[in-house]
Amino acid sequence: MVKVVGANFGQSVTRAAQVILNGGVIVYPTETIYGLGANALETKAVEKVFEIKARSQSNPILVLIPNLDTLDELVLEIPEVAKVLMDKFWPGPLTIVFKASPIVSTILTANSGKIGIRLSSDEFCRELLDICEIPITSTSANLSGEPNPNRVGMINRRVLNSVDLIVDAGELVSQTPSTVVDITEGEIHLIREGTIPYKNIVPRS
């Protein structure tokens, strides 16, 4: 286990990318909370994330993508309603649930046929994804059921001792995860209200 301080940004990003590309798991900062990052296209790496979190495999894990070209590879379709949300809220803390393409691991989707995707606005995440050029997992860096961490000191030692790298950017502004909406039926369905209030996504008439 290695701890990388946020003060050395360039080195932190490079080392984090190396770990992910080698099949490892990292703790890393996002624009919301600290997450567990791994290669979302590598089943063994995703399984490791589930194991570290002691998370039921009936609960899917969302991913961050480096660009919209990656989105095309991961989803079956991009409905018009999704395009509107993407134009307004991406990059940012809105996770959109799409119908998953066949290349997406069923463990990542929890056999739901759906995948939650976000284009992050966080500088570290953007740099990391630019280097990796693959989608990475972005589930909270906690044991399932424990509070969402906005600083490394909040993270259970069991999690910290199980990952390959920790990127410590200090205390994050938010302790609230991303808002999650499902658009697979052509309409906006709220799954989880987070950083972005639902009323800002679907204004009341």
Protein backbone atom coordinates (compact mmCIF):
# COMPACT_ATOMS: atom_id res chain seq x y z
CA MET A 1 0.00 0.00 0.00
CA VAL A 2 1.36 3.41 -0.94
CA LYS A 3 0.09 6.80 0.12
CA VAL A 4 0.52 9.64 -2.36
CA VAL A 5 -0.01 13.18 -1.11
CA GLY A 6 -2.02 15.56 -3.25
CA ALA A 7 0.74 18.17 -3.21
CA ASN A 8 2.62 16.24 -5.91
CA PHE A 9 -0.24 16.23 -8.41
CA GLY A 10 1.59 15.04 -11.51
CA GLN A 11 3.25 12.11 -9.77
CA SER A 12 0.00 11.14 -8.05
CA VAL A 13 -1.91 10.95 -11.33
CA THR A 14 0.81 8.98 -13.09
CA ARG A 15 1.18 6.43 -10.31
CA ALA A 16 -2.59 6.04 -9.96
CA ALA A 17 -2.92 5.38 -13.70
CA GLN A 18 -0.15 2.77 -13.57
CA VAL A 19 -1.91 0.90 -10.77
CA ILE A 20 -5.26 0.88 -12.60
CA LEU A 21 -3.72 -0.23 -15.90
CA ASN A 22 -1.96 -3.06 -14.05
CA GLY A 23 -5.25 -4.34 -12.63
CA GLY A 24 -4.99 -2.73 -9.20
CA VAL A 25 -7.41 -0.68 -7.10
CA ILE A 26 -6.89 2.87 -5.84
CA VAL A 27 -8.53 5.24 -3.38
CA TYR A 28 -8.87 8.58 -5.15
CA PRO A 29 -10.60 11.97 -4.84
CA THR A 30 -13.52 13.01 -7.03
CA GLU A 31 -15.66 16.16 -7.16
CA THR A 32 -17.95 14.56 -4.59
CA ILE A 33 -16.33 11.97 -2.28
CA TYR A 34 -13.36 9.58 -2.22
CA GLY A 35 -13.87 6.62 -4.53
CA LEU A 36 -12.45 3.20 -5.31
CA GLY A 37 -11.01 3.14 -8.80
CA ALA A 38 -10.22 0.13 -10.98
CA ASN A 39 -10.33 -0.83 -14.65
CA ALA A 40 -14.07 -1.14 -15.29
CA LEU A 41 -13.44 -3.38 -18.31
CA GLU A 42 -11.44 -5.95 -16.35
CA THR A 43 -13.71 -8.35 -14.47
CA LYS A 44 -11.08 -9.39 -11.92
CA ALA A 45 -10.39 -5.76 -11.03
CA VAL A 46 -14.10 -5.07 -10.57
CA GLU A 47 -14.48 -8.18 -8.43
CA LYS A 48 -11.65 -6.88 -6.26
CA VAL A 49 -13.58 -3.63 -5.69
CA PHE A 50 -16.65 -5.59 -4.55
CA GLU A 51 -14.46 -7.64 -2.21
CA ILE A 52 -12.75 -4.58 -0.69
CA LYS A 53 -16.11 -2.91 0.00
CA ALA A 54 -17.78 -6.13 1.19
CA ARG A 55 -20.47 -5.11 -1.28
CA SER A 56 -23.23 -7.40 -2.50
CA GLN A 57 -22.88 -8.24 -6.17
CA SER A 58 -26.57 -7.47 -6.53
CA ASN A 59 -25.63 -3.76 -6.35
CA PRO A 60 -24.15 -2.32 -9.56
CA ILE A 61 -21.12 -0.02 -9.61
CA LEU A 62 -21.02 3.18 -11.65
CA VAL A 63 -18.10 4.24 -13.83
CA LEU A 64 -16.32 7.40 -14.89
CA ILE A 65 -15.44 7.81 -18.56
CA PRO A 66 -12.60 9.77 -20.19
CA ASN A 67 -14.71 11.11 -23.06
CA LEU A 68 -17.97 10.73 -24.96
CA ASP A 69 -16.41 8.31 -27.44
CA THR A 70 -16.11 5.86 -24.55
CA LEU A 71 -19.80 6.35 -23.80
CA ASP A 72 -20.68 5.11 -27.29
CA GLU A 73 -18.79 1.88 -26.58
CA LEU A 74 -20.47 1.22 -23.23
CA VAL A 75 -24.14 1.84 -24.04
CA LEU A 76 -26.67 0.48 -26.52
CA GLU A 77 -28.26 3.88 -27.17
CA ILE A 78 -28.20 7.50 -26.06
CA PRO A 79 -31.81 8.69 -25.81
CA GLU A 80 -32.64 12.33 -26.51
CA VAL A 81 -33.37 12.95 -22.83
CA ALA A 82 -29.86 11.80 -21.97
CA LYS A 83 -28.33 14.21 -24.48
CA VAL A 84 -30.18 17.08 -22.81
CA LEU A 85 -28.87 16.07 -19.38
CA MET A 86 -25.34 15.58 -20.68
CA ASP A 87 -25.32 19.03 -22.28
CA LYS A 88 -26.48 20.62 -19.04
CA PHE A 89 -24.70 18.66 -16.31
CA TRP A 90 -21.61 17.01 -17.82
CA PRO A 91 -18.88 17.22 -16.83
CA GLY A 92 -20.23 17.14 -13.29
CA PRO A 93 -21.73 15.08 -10.45
CA LEU A 94 -24.65 13.56 -12.37
CA THR A 95 -24.60 9.82 -13.00
CA ILE A 96 -26.83 8.71 -15.86
CA VAL A 97 -27.99 5.10 -16.11
CA PHE A 98 -28.06 3.72 -19.67
CA LYS A 99 -28.77 0.34 -21.25
CA ALA A 100 -25.40 -1.43 -21.21
CA SER A 101 -23.68 -2.73 -24.31
CA PRO A 102 -22.58 -6.40 -24.48
CA ILE A 103 -18.94 -5.50 -23.70
CA VAL A 104 -19.88 -4.39 -20.17
CA SER A 105 -19.27 -7.03 -17.49
CA THR A 106 -22.42 -8.39 -15.87
CA ILE A 107 -20.75 -8.07 -12.46
CA LEU A 108 -20.46 -4.31 -13.04
CA THR A 109 -24.16 -4.06 -13.93
CA ALA A 110 -25.31 -6.62 -11.33
CA ASN A 111 -27.01 -8.46 -14.22
CA SER A 112 -29.40 -5.53 -14.65
CA GLY A 113 -28.45 -4.80 -18.25
CA LYS A 114 -27.89 -1.18 -17.17
CA ILE A 115 -24.80 0.86 -16.40
CA GLY A 116 -24.39 4.15 -14.51
CA ILE A 117 -21.94 6.54 -16.16
CA ARG A 118 -20.48 9.93 -15.30
CA LEU A 119 -18.14 12.40 -16.98
CA SER A 120 -16.30 13.94 -14.04
CA SER A 121 -15.52 17.63 -13.60
CA ASP A 122 -12.72 16.95 -11.09
CA GLU A 123 -9.24 17.89 -12.30
CA PHE A 124 -7.57 14.80 -10.84
CA CYS A 125 -10.20 12.48 -12.33
CA ARG A 126 -9.95 14.12 -15.74
CA GLU A 127 -6.16 13.78 -15.83
CA LEU A 128 -6.32 10.19 -14.58
CA LEU A 129 -8.88 9.16 -17.18
CA ASP A 130 -6.98 10.93 -19.96
CA ILE A 131 -3.96 8.78 -19.16
CA CYS A 132 -5.84 5.51 -18.66
CA GLU A 133 -8.14 6.00 -21.69
CA ILE A 134 -10.56 3.47 -20.20
CA PRO A 135 -13.60 3.72 -17.91
CA ILE A 136 -12.83 3.30 -14.22
CA THR A 137 -15.06 2.37 -11.29
CA SER A 138 -16.24 5.15 -9.00
CA THR A 139 -17.96 3.62 -6.01
CA SER A 140 -17.50 5.23 -2.60
CA ALA A 141 -14.31 4.25 -0.75
CA ASN A 142 -16.06 2.73 2.24
CA LEU A 143 -17.33 -0.57 3.53
CA SER A 144 -20.91 -0.97 2.35
CA GLY A 145 -23.25 0.83 4.73
CA GLU A 146 -20.61 3.11 6.24
CA PRO A 147 -20.58 6.93 5.74
CA ASN A 148 -19.35 8.39 2.46
CA PRO A 149 -15.79 9.66 3.04
CA ASN A 150 -14.70 13.20 2.13
CA ARG A 151 -11.25 12.67 3.69
CA VAL A 152 -8.93 9.67 3.86
CA GLY A 153 -9.13 9.63 7.66
CA MET A 154 -12.81 8.64 7.42
CA ILE A 155 -12.06 5.52 5.39
CA ASN A 156 -12.14 2.18 7.22
CA ARG A 157 -8.65 0.75 7.75
CA ARG A 158 -9.83 -2.51 6.20
CA VAL A 159 -10.40 -0.65 2.94
CA LEU A 160 -7.13 1.32 3.12
CA ASN A 161 -5.13 -1.85 3.82
CA SER A 162 -6.71 -3.66 0.85
CA VAL A 163 -6.04 -1.18 -1.96
CA ASP A 164 -2.85 -0.78 -3.97
CA LEU A 165 -2.59 3.00 -3.80
CA ILE A 166 -4.09 5.89 -1.85
CA VAL A 167 -4.26 9.37 -3.35
CA ASP A 168 -4.80 11.80 -0.48
CA ALA A 169 -6.04 15.21 -1.62
CA GLY A 170 -7.02 16.32 1.85
CA GLU A 171 -10.58 17.11 2.88
CA LEU A 172 -12.98 17.41 -0.04
CA VAL A 173 -15.67 20.07 -0.14
CA SER A 174 -18.53 17.59 -0.41
CA GLN A 175 -19.58 14.50 1.53
CA THR A 176 -22.49 13.87 -0.80
CA PRO A 177 -22.27 11.43 -3.74
CA SER A 178 -23.41 12.12 -7.27
CA THR A 179 -27.08 12.29 -8.16
CA VAL A 180 -28.17 9.21 -10.13
CA VAL A 181 -30.96 9.15 -12.73
CA ASP A 182 -32.17 6.32 -14.98
CA ILE A 183 -33.17 7.28 -18.54
CA THR A 184 -33.46 3.78 -20.02
CA GLU A 185 -37.21 4.14 -20.56
CA GLY A 186 -36.87 7.51 -22.29
CA GLU A 187 -37.86 9.50 -19.19
CA ILE A 188 -35.92 10.70 -16.15
CA HIS A 189 -36.31 8.42 -13.13
CA LEU A 190 -34.52 9.40 -9.91
CA ILE A 191 -32.43 6.62 -8.37
CA ARG A 192 -30.50 8.70 -5.81
CA GLU A 193 -30.55 12.39 -4.99
CA GLY A 194 -27.04 13.63 -4.36
CA THR A 195 -25.00 16.74 -5.04
CA ILE A 196 -27.40 18.02 -7.71
CA PRO A 197 -30.94 18.52 -6.35
CA TYR A 198 -33.55 16.63 -8.36
CA LYS A 199 -35.55 19.85 -8.74
CA ASN A 200 -32.64 21.28 -10.73
CA ILE A 201 -32.77 18.31 -13.09
CA VAL A 202 -36.52 18.20 -13.54
CA PRO A 203 -37.86 21.68 -12.67
CA ARG A 204 -41.44 21.74 -11.45
CA SER A 205 -43.87 23.41 -13.83
